[in-house]
Amino acid sequence: MTRSRAQDPNVCGVTAAIAVIDGKWKTALLWLLESGPCRPGELRRQLPGLSEKVLTQGLREMEDDGLVHREVYDELPLRTEYSLTPFGRELSEALAPLSDWGHRRLERLTGSPSAS
């Protein structure tokens, strides 16, 4: 799915929403940022396999989409933190039932209840 689909007023609303969170890491970044502001290094440590380049690209796209706020503190060494915007929190809350459904699906596949 292309990012332009997220801005096309003639697509289904679900398609537009999925275009914003499309990719391997964006939902995980949303989930981590729900607990509060994080520095990029913290996010990378919590998501093994996520490269700095992909993290930067994902956070920039999420910032462009109004989901995250980037705060740069004017101190040495420079410190940058990312946090969810109210719009990002709204998306995170909208995804909660989908997350619940996903856990139920995993339970069905494994045949055992999970501790979610």
PDB file of N, CA and C in Angstrom:
ATOM      1  N   MET A   1       0.852  -1.173   0.000  1.00  0.00           N
ATOM      2  CA  MET A   1       0.000   0.000   0.000  1.00  0.00           C
ATOM      3  C   MET A   1       0.896   1.234   0.000  1.00  0.00           C
ATOM      4  N   THR A   2       0.546   2.198  -0.794  1.00  0.00           N
ATOM      5  CA  THR A   2       1.369   3.401  -0.864  1.00  0.00           C
ATOM      6  C   THR A   2       0.889   4.440   0.140  1.00  0.00           C
ATOM      7  N   ARG A   3       1.817   5.301   0.549  1.00  0.00           N
ATOM      8  CA  ARG A   3       1.466   6.353   1.511  1.00  0.00           C
ATOM      9  C   ARG A   3       0.453   7.323   0.927  1.00  0.00           C
ATOM     10  N   SER A   4       0.434   7.470  -0.398  1.00  0.00           N
ATOM     11  CA  SER A   4      -0.532   8.383  -1.009  1.00  0.00           C
ATOM     12  C   SER A   4      -1.964   7.916  -0.770  1.00  0.00           C
ATOM     13  N   ARG A   5      -2.148   6.602  -0.552  1.00  0.00           N
ATOM     14  CA  ARG A   5      -3.496   6.091  -0.274  1.00  0.00           C
ATOM     15  C   ARG A   5      -4.029   6.637   1.048  1.00  0.00           C
ATOM     16  N   ALA A   6      -3.136   6.980   1.957  1.00  0.00           N
ATOM     17  CA  ALA A   6      -3.560   7.511   3.250  1.00  0.00           C
ATOM     18  C   ALA A   6      -4.164   8.900   3.116  1.00  0.00           C
ATOM     19  N   GLN A   7      -3.921   9.560   1.980  1.00  0.00           N
ATOM     20  CA  GLN A   7      -4.418  10.918   1.786  1.00  0.00           C
ATOM     21  C   GLN A   7      -5.470  11.013   0.687  1.00  0.00           C
ATOM     22  N   ASP A   8      -5.802   9.895   0.091  1.00  0.00           N
ATOM     23  CA  ASP A   8      -6.789   9.876  -0.990  1.00  0.00           C
ATOM     24  C   ASP A   8      -8.193   9.890  -0.394  1.00  0.00           C
ATOM     25  N   PRO A   9      -8.968  10.968  -0.610  1.00  0.00           N
ATOM     26  CA  PRO A   9     -10.307  11.050  -0.012  1.00  0.00           C
ATOM     27  C   PRO A   9     -11.304  10.056  -0.607  1.00  0.00           C
ATOM     28  N   ASN A  10     -10.926   9.379  -1.690  1.00  0.00           N
ATOM     29  CA  ASN A  10     -11.849   8.456  -2.353  1.00  0.00           C
ATOM     30  C   ASN A  10     -11.618   7.000  -1.979  1.00  0.00           C
ATOM     31  N   VAL A  11     -10.841   6.738  -0.928  1.00  0.00           N
ATOM     32  CA  VAL A  11     -10.638   5.357  -0.509  1.00  0.00           C
ATOM     33  C   VAL A  11     -11.461   5.075   0.741  1.00  0.00           C
ATOM     34  N   CYS A  12     -11.631   3.807   1.010  1.00  0.00           N
ATOM     35  CA  CYS A  12     -12.320   3.354   2.215  1.00  0.00           C
ATOM     36  C   CYS A  12     -11.574   3.876   3.442  1.00  0.00           C
ATOM     37  N   GLY A  13     -12.281   4.224   4.481  1.00  0.00           N
ATOM     38  CA  GLY A  13     -11.659   4.740   5.698  1.00  0.00           C
ATOM     39  C   GLY A  13     -10.695   3.751   6.330  1.00  0.00           C
ATOM     40  N   VAL A  14     -11.023   2.461   6.263  1.00  0.00           N
ATOM     41  CA  VAL A  14     -10.126   1.448   6.822  1.00  0.00           C
ATOM     42  C   VAL A  14      -8.821   1.425   6.026  1.00  0.00           C
ATOM     43  N   THR A  15      -8.916   1.548   4.704  1.00  0.00           N
ATOM     44  CA  THR A  15      -7.721   1.581   3.862  1.00  0.00           C
ATOM     45  C   THR A  15      -6.852   2.784   4.217  1.00  0.00           C
ATOM     46  N   ALA A  16      -7.475   3.931   4.421  1.00  0.00           N
ATOM     47  CA  ALA A  16      -6.730   5.140   4.790  1.00  0.00           C
ATOM     48  C   ALA A  16      -6.054   4.969   6.149  1.00  0.00           C
ATOM     49  N   ALA A  17      -6.738   4.322   7.085  1.00  0.00           N
ATOM     50  CA  ALA A  17      -6.159   4.105   8.419  1.00  0.00           C
ATOM     51  C   ALA A  17      -4.992   3.118   8.352  1.00  0.00           C
ATOM     52  N   ILE A  18      -5.168   2.044   7.609  1.00  0.00           N
ATOM     53  CA  ILE A  18      -4.116   1.037   7.503  1.00  0.00           C
ATOM     54  C   ILE A  18      -2.895   1.614   6.798  1.00  0.00           C
ATOM     55  N   ALA A  19      -3.089   2.504   5.847  1.00  0.00           N
ATOM     56  CA  ALA A  19      -1.964   3.126   5.153  1.00  0.00           C
ATOM     57  C   ALA A  19      -1.080   3.899   6.129  1.00  0.00           C
ATOM     58  N   VAL A  20      -1.672   4.445   7.174  1.00  0.00           N
ATOM     59  CA  VAL A  20      -0.916   5.226   8.159  1.00  0.00           C
ATOM     60  C   VAL A  20      -0.084   4.315   9.064  1.00  0.00           C
ATOM     61  N   ILE A  21      -0.555   3.102   9.337  1.00  0.00           N
ATOM     62  CA  ILE A  21       0.173   2.198  10.243  1.00  0.00           C
ATOM     63  C   ILE A  21       0.836   1.055   9.489  1.00  0.00           C
ATOM     64  N   ASP A  22       0.834   1.130   8.168  1.00  0.00           N
ATOM     65  CA  ASP A  22       1.412   0.078   7.346  1.00  0.00           C
ATOM     66  C   ASP A  22       2.903  -0.048   7.619  1.00  0.00           C
ATOM     67  N   GLY A  23       3.382  -1.248   7.652  1.00  0.00           N
ATOM     68  CA  GLY A  23       4.797  -1.505   7.881  1.00  0.00           C
ATOM     69  C   GLY A  23       4.990  -2.388   9.095  1.00  0.00           C
ATOM     70  N   LYS A  24       6.189  -2.892   9.217  1.00  0.00           N
ATOM     71  CA  LYS A  24       6.495  -3.852  10.273  1.00  0.00           C
ATOM     72  C   LYS A  24       6.556  -3.231  11.665  1.00  0.00           C
ATOM     73  N   TRP A  25       6.931  -1.966  11.777  1.00  0.00           N
ATOM     74  CA  TRP A  25       7.276  -1.401  13.081  1.00  0.00           C
ATOM     75  C   TRP A  25       6.313  -0.360  13.626  1.00  0.00           C
ATOM     76  N   LYS A  26       5.451   0.215  12.809  1.00  0.00           N
ATOM     77  CA  LYS A  26       4.654   1.360  13.280  1.00  0.00           C
ATOM     78  C   LYS A  26       3.691   1.002  14.408  1.00  0.00           C
ATOM     79  N   THR A  27       3.042  -0.147  14.329  1.00  0.00           N
ATOM     80  CA  THR A  27       2.130  -0.500  15.423  1.00  0.00           C
ATOM     81  C   THR A  27       2.911  -0.752  16.712  1.00  0.00           C
ATOM     82  N   ALA A  28       4.104  -1.343  16.601  1.00  0.00           N
ATOM     83  CA  ALA A  28       4.932  -1.561  17.791  1.00  0.00           C
ATOM     84  C   ALA A  28       5.385  -0.221  18.371  1.00  0.00           C
ATOM     85  N   LEU A  29       5.729   0.735  17.512  1.00  0.00           N
ATOM     86  CA  LEU A  29       6.121   2.065  17.995  1.00  0.00           C
ATOM     87  C   LEU A  29       4.947   2.749  18.695  1.00  0.00           C
ATOM     88  N   LEU A  30       3.756   2.649  18.122  1.00  0.00           N
ATOM     89  CA  LEU A  30       2.559   3.210  18.775  1.00  0.00           C
ATOM     90  C   LEU A  30       2.384   2.603  20.161  1.00  0.00           C
ATOM     91  N   TRP A  31       2.513   1.296  20.229  1.00  0.00           N
ATOM     92  CA  TRP A  31       2.322   0.573  21.485  1.00  0.00           C
ATOM     93  C   TRP A  31       3.336   1.036  22.530  1.00  0.00           C
ATOM     94  N   LEU A  32       4.607   1.177  22.134  1.00  0.00           N
ATOM     95  CA  LEU A  32       5.629   1.623  23.083  1.00  0.00           C
ATOM     96  C   LEU A  32       5.405   3.066  23.530  1.00  0.00           C
ATOM     97  N   LEU A  33       4.981   3.919  22.611  1.00  0.00           N
ATOM     98  CA  LEU A  33       4.782   5.332  22.943  1.00  0.00           C
ATOM     99  C   LEU A  33       3.525   5.564  23.775  1.00  0.00           C
ATOM    100  N   GLU A  34       2.639   4.574  23.856  1.00  0.00           N
ATOM    101  CA  GLU A  34       1.455   4.705  24.718  1.00  0.00           C
ATOM    102  C   GLU A  34       1.849   4.925  26.171  1.00  0.00           C
ATOM    103  N   SER A  35       2.980   4.351  26.571  1.00  0.00           N
ATOM    104  CA  SER A  35       3.386   4.449  27.974  1.00  0.00           C
ATOM    105  C   SER A  35       4.097   5.754  28.304  1.00  0.00           C
ATOM    106  N   GLY A  36       4.337   6.596  27.302  1.00  0.00           N
ATOM    107  CA  GLY A  36       4.946   7.893  27.561  1.00  0.00           C
ATOM    108  C   GLY A  36       6.064   8.199  26.584  1.00  0.00           C
ATOM    109  N   PRO A  37       6.621   9.402  26.682  1.00  0.00           N
ATOM    110  CA  PRO A  37       7.683   9.819  25.760  1.00  0.00           C
ATOM    111  C   PRO A  37       8.886   8.882  25.831  1.00  0.00           C
ATOM    112  N   CYS A  38       9.514   8.693  24.684  1.00  0.00           N
ATOM    113  CA  CYS A  38      10.704   7.840  24.592  1.00  0.00           C
ATOM    114  C   CYS A  38      11.735   8.490  23.690  1.00  0.00           C
ATOM    115  N   ARG A  39      12.971   8.241  24.005  1.00  0.00           N
ATOM    116  CA  ARG A  39      14.069   8.660  23.141  1.00  0.00           C
ATOM    117  C   ARG A  39      14.253   7.580  22.071  1.00  0.00           C
ATOM    118  N   PRO A  40      14.793   7.958  20.915  1.00  0.00           N
ATOM    119  CA  PRO A  40      14.972   6.970  19.839  1.00  0.00           C
ATOM    120  C   PRO A  40      15.791   5.755  20.269  1.00  0.00           C
ATOM    121  N   GLY A  41      16.829   5.962  21.062  1.00  0.00           N
ATOM    122  CA  GLY A  41      17.644   4.838  21.527  1.00  0.00           C
ATOM    123  C   GLY A  41      16.848   3.855  22.367  1.00  0.00           C
ATOM    124  N   GLU A  42      15.933   4.379  23.197  1.00  0.00           N
ATOM    125  CA  GLU A  42      15.076   3.513  24.010  1.00  0.00           C
ATOM    126  C   GLU A  42      14.187   2.655  23.118  1.00  0.00           C
ATOM    127  N   LEU A  43      13.632   3.282  22.085  1.00  0.00           N
ATOM    128  CA  LEU A  43      12.760   2.551  21.170  1.00  0.00           C
ATOM    129  C   LEU A  43      13.532   1.433  20.467  1.00  0.00           C
ATOM    130  N   ARG A  44      14.741   1.737  20.012  1.00  0.00           N
ATOM    131  CA  ARG A  44      15.553   0.715  19.324  1.00  0.00           C
ATOM    132  C   ARG A  44      15.903  -0.431  20.253  1.00  0.00           C
ATOM    133  N   ARG A  45      16.221  -0.134  21.506  1.00  0.00           N
ATOM    134  CA  ARG A  45      16.556  -1.204  22.457  1.00  0.00           C
ATOM    135  C   ARG A  45      15.365  -2.125  22.708  1.00  0.00           C
ATOM    136  N   GLN A  46      14.175  -1.555  22.680  1.00  0.00           N
ATOM    137  CA  GLN A  46      12.985  -2.352  22.954  1.00  0.00           C
ATOM    138  C   GLN A  46      12.482  -3.111  21.727  1.00  0.00           C
ATOM    139  N   LEU A  47      13.014  -2.800  20.569  1.00  0.00           N
ATOM    140  CA  LEU A  47      12.597  -3.468  19.330  1.00  0.00           C
ATOM    141  C   LEU A  47      13.824  -4.019  18.602  1.00  0.00           C
ATOM    142  N   PRO A  48      14.352  -5.146  19.075  1.00  0.00           N
ATOM    143  CA  PRO A  48      15.517  -5.733  18.420  1.00  0.00           C
ATOM    144  C   PRO A  48      15.234  -5.985  16.939  1.00  0.00           C
ATOM    145  N   GLY A  49      16.195  -5.678  16.116  1.00  0.00           N
ATOM    146  CA  GLY A  49      16.026  -5.867  14.676  1.00  0.00           C
ATOM    147  C   GLY A  49      15.624  -4.603  13.946  1.00  0.00           C
ATOM    148  N   LEU A  50      15.227  -3.586  14.697  1.00  0.00           N
ATOM    149  CA  LEU A  50      14.839  -2.311  14.091  1.00  0.00           C
ATOM    150  C   LEU A  50      16.092  -1.471  13.882  1.00  0.00           C
ATOM    151  N   SER A  51      16.385  -1.149  12.634  1.00  0.00           N
ATOM    152  CA  SER A  51      17.577  -0.347  12.343  1.00  0.00           C
ATOM    153  C   SER A  51      17.301   1.130  12.622  1.00  0.00           C
ATOM    154  N   GLU A  52      18.372   1.873  12.796  1.00  0.00           N
ATOM    155  CA  GLU A  52      18.233   3.312  13.047  1.00  0.00           C
ATOM    156  C   GLU A  52      17.564   3.999  11.859  1.00  0.00           C
ATOM    157  N   LYS A  53      17.932   3.590  10.649  1.00  0.00           N
ATOM    158  CA  LYS A  53      17.357   4.191   9.446  1.00  0.00           C
ATOM    159  C   LYS A  53      15.847   3.964   9.372  1.00  0.00           C
ATOM    160  N   VAL A  54      15.424   2.735   9.616  1.00  0.00           N
ATOM    161  CA  VAL A  54      13.994   2.410   9.546  1.00  0.00           C
ATOM    162  C   VAL A  54      13.237   3.099  10.677  1.00  0.00           C
ATOM    163  N   LEU A  55      13.846   3.165  11.868  1.00  0.00           N
ATOM    164  CA  LEU A  55      13.219   3.872  12.990  1.00  0.00           C
ATOM    165  C   LEU A  55      13.012   5.337  12.637  1.00  0.00           C
ATOM    166  N   THR A  56      14.061   5.981  12.130  1.00  0.00           N
ATOM    167  CA  THR A  56      13.969   7.399  11.772  1.00  0.00           C
ATOM    168  C   THR A  56      12.900   7.620  10.711  1.00  0.00           C
ATOM    169  N   GLN A  57      12.880   6.778   9.692  1.00  0.00           N
ATOM    170  CA  GLN A  57      11.886   6.907   8.625  1.00  0.00           C
ATOM    171  C   GLN A  57      10.471   6.729   9.172  1.00  0.00           C
ATOM    172  N   GLY A  58      10.273   5.710   9.993  1.00  0.00           N
ATOM    173  CA  GLY A  58       8.947   5.461  10.557  1.00  0.00           C
ATOM    174  C   GLY A  58       8.473   6.603  11.436  1.00  0.00           C
ATOM    175  N   LEU A  59       9.357   7.104  12.295  1.00  0.00           N
ATOM    176  CA  LEU A  59       8.981   8.205  13.179  1.00  0.00           C
ATOM    177  C   LEU A  59       8.685   9.472  12.386  1.00  0.00           C
ATOM    178  N   ARG A  60       9.455   9.728  11.336  1.00  0.00           N
ATOM    179  CA  ARG A  60       9.178  10.902  10.493  1.00  0.00           C
ATOM    180  C   ARG A  60       7.818  10.792   9.817  1.00  0.00           C
ATOM    181  N   GLU A  61       7.516   9.607   9.288  1.00  0.00           N
ATOM    182  CA  GLU A  61       6.208   9.407   8.651  1.00  0.00           C
ATOM    183  C   GLU A  61       5.091   9.563   9.673  1.00  0.00           C
ATOM    184  N   MET A  62       5.282   9.020  10.865  1.00  0.00           N
ATOM    185  CA  MET A  62       4.259   9.134  11.907  1.00  0.00           C
ATOM    186  C   MET A  62       4.098  10.585  12.353  1.00  0.00           C
ATOM    187  N   GLU A  63       5.197  11.334  12.351  1.00  0.00           N
ATOM    188  CA  GLU A  63       5.126  12.762  12.676  1.00  0.00           C
ATOM    189  C   GLU A  63       4.373  13.506  11.571  1.00  0.00           C
ATOM    190  N   ASP A  64       4.688  13.193  10.310  1.00  0.00           N
ATOM    191  CA  ASP A  64       3.985  13.822   9.178  1.00  0.00           C
ATOM    192  C   ASP A  64       2.490  13.523   9.209  1.00  0.00           C
ATOM    193  N   ASP A  65       2.130  12.328   9.693  1.00  0.00           N
ATOM    194  CA  ASP A  65       0.717  11.939   9.766  1.00  0.00           C
ATOM    195  C   ASP A  65       0.025  12.453  11.021  1.00  0.00           C
ATOM    196  N   GLY A  66       0.771  13.174  11.867  1.00  0.00           N
ATOM    197  CA  GLY A  66       0.177  13.767  13.064  1.00  0.00           C
ATOM    198  C   GLY A  66       0.015  12.814  14.225  1.00  0.00           C
ATOM    199  N   LEU A  67       0.707  11.659  14.187  1.00  0.00           N
ATOM    200  CA  LEU A  67       0.559  10.669  15.250  1.00  0.00           C
ATOM    201  C   LEU A  67       1.536  10.873  16.398  1.00  0.00           C
ATOM    202  N   VAL A  68       2.725  11.371  16.081  1.00  0.00           N
ATOM    203  CA  VAL A  68       3.736  11.573  17.124  1.00  0.00           C
ATOM    204  C   VAL A  68       4.245  13.006  17.099  1.00  0.00           C
ATOM    205  N   HIS A  69       4.715  13.427  18.253  1.00  0.00           N
ATOM    206  CA  HIS A  69       5.324  14.753  18.413  1.00  0.00           C
ATOM    207  C   HIS A  69       6.803  14.541  18.707  1.00  0.00           C
ATOM    208  N   ARG A  70       7.638  15.290  18.035  1.00  0.00           N
ATOM    209  CA  ARG A  70       9.084  15.226  18.229  1.00  0.00           C
ATOM    210  C   ARG A  70       9.510  16.460  19.007  1.00  0.00           C
ATOM    211  N   GLU A  71      10.130  16.242  20.146  1.00  0.00           N
ATOM    212  CA  GLU A  71      10.604  17.334  20.998  1.00  0.00           C
ATOM    213  C   GLU A  71      12.125  17.259  21.073  1.00  0.00           C
ATOM    214  N   VAL A  72      12.787  18.333  20.642  1.00  0.00           N
ATOM    215  CA  VAL A  72      14.248  18.409  20.708  1.00  0.00           C
ATOM    216  C   VAL A  72      14.597  19.390  21.815  1.00  0.00           C
ATOM    217  N   TYR A  73      15.363  18.917  22.799  1.00  0.00           N
ATOM    218  CA  TYR A  73      15.755  19.743  23.930  1.00  0.00           C
ATOM    219  C   TYR A  73      17.104  20.388  23.629  1.00  0.00           C
ATOM    220  N   ASP A  74      17.178  21.687  23.841  1.00  0.00           N
ATOM    221  CA  ASP A  74      18.384  22.457  23.553  1.00  0.00           C
ATOM    222  C   ASP A  74      19.355  22.348  24.725  1.00  0.00           C
ATOM    223  N   GLU A  75      20.014  21.222  24.786  1.00  0.00           N
ATOM    224  CA  GLU A  75      20.995  20.971  25.832  1.00  0.00           C
ATOM    225  C   GLU A  75      22.076  20.081  25.249  1.00  0.00           C
ATOM    226  N   LEU A  76      23.183  20.016  25.919  1.00  0.00           N
ATOM    227  CA  LEU A  76      24.276  19.154  25.456  1.00  0.00           C
ATOM    228  C   LEU A  76      24.428  17.986  26.405  1.00  0.00           C
ATOM    229  N   PRO A  77      24.483  16.773  25.931  1.00  0.00           N
ATOM    230  CA  PRO A  77      24.261  16.408  24.534  1.00  0.00           C
ATOM    231  C   PRO A  77      22.791  16.600  24.155  1.00  0.00           C
ATOM    232  N   LEU A  78      22.564  16.798  22.856  1.00  0.00           N
ATOM    233  CA  LEU A  78      21.198  16.983  22.359  1.00  0.00           C
ATOM    234  C   LEU A  78      20.326  15.803  22.755  1.00  0.00           C
ATOM    235  N   ARG A  79      19.103  16.103  23.113  1.00  0.00           N
ATOM    236  CA  ARG A  79      18.167  15.063  23.530  1.00  0.00           C
ATOM    237  C   ARG A  79      16.881  15.231  22.729  1.00  0.00           C
ATOM    238  N   THR A  80      16.420  14.148  22.146  1.00  0.00           N
ATOM    239  CA  THR A  80      15.181  14.146  21.373  1.00  0.00           C
ATOM    240  C   THR A  80      14.245  13.111  21.970  1.00  0.00           C
ATOM    241  N   GLU A  81      12.989  13.476  22.131  1.00  0.00           N
ATOM    242  CA  GLU A  81      11.974  12.550  22.630  1.00  0.00           C
ATOM    243  C   GLU A  81      10.781  12.560  21.690  1.00  0.00           C
ATOM    244  N   TYR A  82      10.162  11.404  21.577  1.00  0.00           N
ATOM    245  CA  TYR A  82       8.935  11.263  20.791  1.00  0.00           C
ATOM    246  C   TYR A  82       7.804  10.876  21.729  1.00  0.00           C
ATOM    247  N   SER A  83       6.634  11.438  21.458  1.00  0.00           N
ATOM    248  CA  SER A  83       5.450  11.111  22.249  1.00  0.00           C
ATOM    249  C   SER A  83       4.247  11.086  21.315  1.00  0.00           C
ATOM    250  N   LEU A  84       3.192  10.430  21.768  1.00  0.00           N
ATOM    251  CA  LEU A  84       1.975  10.401  20.974  1.00  0.00           C
ATOM    252  C   LEU A  84       1.251  11.740  21.071  1.00  0.00           C
ATOM    253  N   THR A  85       0.705  12.160  19.960  1.00  0.00           N
ATOM    254  CA  THR A  85      -0.172  13.330  19.954  1.00  0.00           C
ATOM    255  C   THR A  85      -1.565  12.851  20.356  1.00  0.00           C
ATOM    256  N   PRO A  86      -2.487  13.757  20.627  1.00  0.00           N
ATOM    257  CA  PRO A  86      -3.865  13.320  20.887  1.00  0.00           C
ATOM    258  C   PRO A  86      -4.427  12.488  19.717  1.00  0.00           C
ATOM    259  N   PHE A  87      -4.074  12.848  18.496  1.00  0.00           N
ATOM    260  CA  PHE A  87      -4.521  12.099  17.314  1.00  0.00           C
ATOM    261  C   PHE A  87      -3.910  10.691  17.316  1.00  0.00           C
ATOM    262  N   GLY A  88      -2.651  10.585  17.739  1.00  0.00           N
ATOM    263  CA  GLY A  88      -2.002   9.285  17.844  1.00  0.00           C
ATOM    264  C   GLY A  88      -2.621   8.428  18.935  1.00  0.00           C
ATOM    265  N   ARG A  89      -2.971   9.061  20.062  1.00  0.00           N
ATOM    266  CA  ARG A  89      -3.654   8.323  21.143  1.00  0.00           C
ATOM    267  C   ARG A  89      -5.012   7.814  20.667  1.00  0.00           C
ATOM    268  N   GLU A  90      -5.695   8.648  19.898  1.00  0.00           N
ATOM    269  CA  GLU A  90      -7.004   8.255  19.355  1.00  0.00           C
ATOM    270  C   GLU A  90      -6.848   7.011  18.468  1.00  0.00           C
ATOM    271  N   LEU A  91      -5.819   6.997  17.627  1.00  0.00           N
ATOM    272  CA  LEU A  91      -5.570   5.828  16.778  1.00  0.00           C
ATOM    273  C   LEU A  91      -5.237   4.609  17.632  1.00  0.00           C
ATOM    274  N   SER A  92      -4.405   4.802  18.634  1.00  0.00           N
ATOM    275  CA  SER A  92      -4.027   3.704  19.514  1.00  0.00           C
ATOM    276  C   SER A  92      -5.262   3.109  20.200  1.00  0.00           C
ATOM    277  N   GLU A  93      -6.155   3.963  20.659  1.00  0.00           N
ATOM    278  CA  GLU A  93      -7.395   3.490  21.290  1.00  0.00           C
ATOM    279  C   GLU A  93      -8.280   2.773  20.279  1.00  0.00           C
ATOM    280  N   ALA A  94      -8.302   3.256  19.039  1.00  0.00           N
ATOM    281  CA  ALA A  94      -9.104   2.613  18.003  1.00  0.00           C
ATOM    282  C   ALA A  94      -8.550   1.233  17.658  1.00  0.00           C
ATOM    283  N   LEU A  95      -7.236   1.050  17.808  1.00  0.00           N
ATOM    284  CA  LEU A  95      -6.615  -0.232  17.491  1.00  0.00           C
ATOM    285  C   LEU A  95      -6.762  -1.256  18.611  1.00  0.00           C
ATOM    286  N   ALA A  96      -7.134  -0.818  19.817  1.00  0.00           N
ATOM    287  CA  ALA A  96      -7.238  -1.730  20.965  1.00  0.00           C
ATOM    288  C   ALA A  96      -8.178  -2.911  20.689  1.00  0.00           C
ATOM    289  N   PRO A  97      -9.380  -2.700  20.137  1.00  0.00           N
ATOM    290  CA  PRO A  97     -10.229  -3.861  19.846  1.00  0.00           C
ATOM    291  C   PRO A  97      -9.616  -4.795  18.797  1.00  0.00           C
ATOM    292  N   LEU A  98      -8.890  -4.241  17.849  1.00  0.00           N
ATOM    293  CA  LEU A  98      -8.215  -5.075  16.858  1.00  0.00           C
ATOM    294  C   LEU A  98      -7.129  -5.914  17.531  1.00  0.00           C
ATOM    295  N   SER A  99      -6.420  -5.320  18.479  1.00  0.00           N
ATOM    296  CA  SER A  99      -5.410  -6.050  19.248  1.00  0.00           C
ATOM    297  C   SER A  99      -6.057  -7.193  20.028  1.00  0.00           C
ATOM    298  N   ASP A 100      -7.183  -6.913  20.659  1.00  0.00           N
ATOM    299  CA  ASP A 100      -7.907  -7.956  21.400  1.00  0.00           C
ATOM    300  C   ASP A 100      -8.300  -9.096  20.475  1.00  0.00           C
ATOM    301  N   TRP A 101      -8.800  -8.743  19.304  1.00  0.00           N
ATOM    302  CA  TRP A 101      -9.178  -9.755  18.319  1.00  0.00           C
ATOM    303  C   TRP A 101      -7.961 -10.591  17.922  1.00  0.00           C
ATOM    304  N   GLY A 102      -6.824  -9.925  17.721  1.00  0.00           N
ATOM    305  CA  GLY A 102      -5.603 -10.632  17.352  1.00  0.00           C
ATOM    306  C   GLY A 102      -5.173 -11.622  18.424  1.00  0.00           C
ATOM    307  N   HIS A 103      -5.293 -11.242  19.696  1.00  0.00           N
ATOM    308  CA  HIS A 103      -4.962 -12.163  20.787  1.00  0.00           C
ATOM    309  C   HIS A 103      -5.911 -13.361  20.791  1.00  0.00           C
ATOM    310  N   ARG A 104      -7.205 -13.116  20.555  1.00  0.00           N
ATOM    311  CA  ARG A 104      -8.170 -14.218  20.490  1.00  0.00           C
ATOM    312  C   ARG A 104      -7.841 -15.152  19.328  1.00  0.00           C
ATOM    313  N   ARG A 105      -7.437 -14.585  18.213  1.00  0.00           N
ATOM    314  CA  ARG A 105      -7.056 -15.400  17.056  1.00  0.00           C
ATOM    315  C   ARG A 105      -5.862 -16.276  17.393  1.00  0.00           C
ATOM    316  N   LEU A 106      -4.861 -15.696  18.051  1.00  0.00           N
ATOM    317  CA  LEU A 106      -3.686 -16.479  18.443  1.00  0.00           C
ATOM    318  C   LEU A 106      -4.058 -17.597  19.401  1.00  0.00           C
ATOM    319  N   GLU A 107      -4.981 -17.318  20.316  1.00  0.00           N
ATOM    320  CA  GLU A 107      -5.455 -18.365  21.232  1.00  0.00           C
ATOM    321  C   GLU A 107      -6.092 -19.504  20.459  1.00  0.00           C
ATOM    322  N   ARG A 108      -6.884 -19.182  19.461  1.00  0.00           N
ATOM    323  CA  ARG A 108      -7.530 -20.211  18.643  1.00  0.00           C
ATOM    324  C   ARG A 108      -6.493 -21.043  17.895  1.00  0.00           C
ATOM    325  N   LEU A 109      -5.465 -20.382  17.393  1.00  0.00           N
ATOM    326  CA  LEU A 109      -4.437 -21.094  16.626  1.00  0.00           C
ATOM    327  C   LEU A 109      -3.625 -22.025  17.506  1.00  0.00           C
ATOM    328  N   THR A 110      -3.326 -21.589  18.726  1.00  0.00           N
ATOM    329  CA  THR A 110      -2.510 -22.400  19.620  1.00  0.00           C
ATOM    330  C   THR A 110      -3.337 -23.330  20.482  1.00  0.00           C
ATOM    331  N   GLY A 111      -4.630 -23.053  20.584  1.00  0.00           N
ATOM    332  CA  GLY A 111      -5.504 -23.894  21.395  1.00  0.00           C
ATOM    333  C   GLY A 111      -5.385 -23.643  22.876  1.00  0.00           C
ATOM    334  N   SER A 112      -4.707 -22.574  23.263  1.00  0.00           N
ATOM    335  CA  SER A 112      -4.576 -22.265  24.687  1.00  0.00           C
ATOM    336  C   SER A 112      -4.760 -20.783  24.927  1.00  0.00           C
ATOM    337  N   PRO A 113      -5.415 -20.426  26.038  1.00  0.00           N
ATOM    338  CA  PRO A 113      -5.597 -19.000  26.339  1.00  0.00           C
ATOM    339  C   PRO A 113      -4.271 -18.343  26.683  1.00  0.00           C
ATOM    340  N   SER A 114      -4.127 -17.096  26.212  1.00  0.00           N
ATOM    341  CA  SER A 114      -2.898 -16.346  26.521  1.00  0.00           C
ATOM    342  C   SER A 114      -3.155 -15.408  27.675  1.00  0.00           C
ATOM    343  N   ALA A 115      -2.114 -14.943  28.276  1.00  0.00           N
ATOM    344  CA  ALA A 115      -2.225 -14.004  29.401  1.00  0.00           C
ATOM    345  C   ALA A 115      -2.136 -12.587  28.859  1.00  0.00           C
ATOM    346  N   SER A 116      -3.136 -12.156  28.107  1.00  0.00           N
ATOM    347  CA  SER A 116      -3.127 -10.784  27.572  1.00  0.00           C
ATOM    348  C   SER A 116      -3.869  -9.945  28.464  1.00  0.00           C
TER     349      SER A 116
END
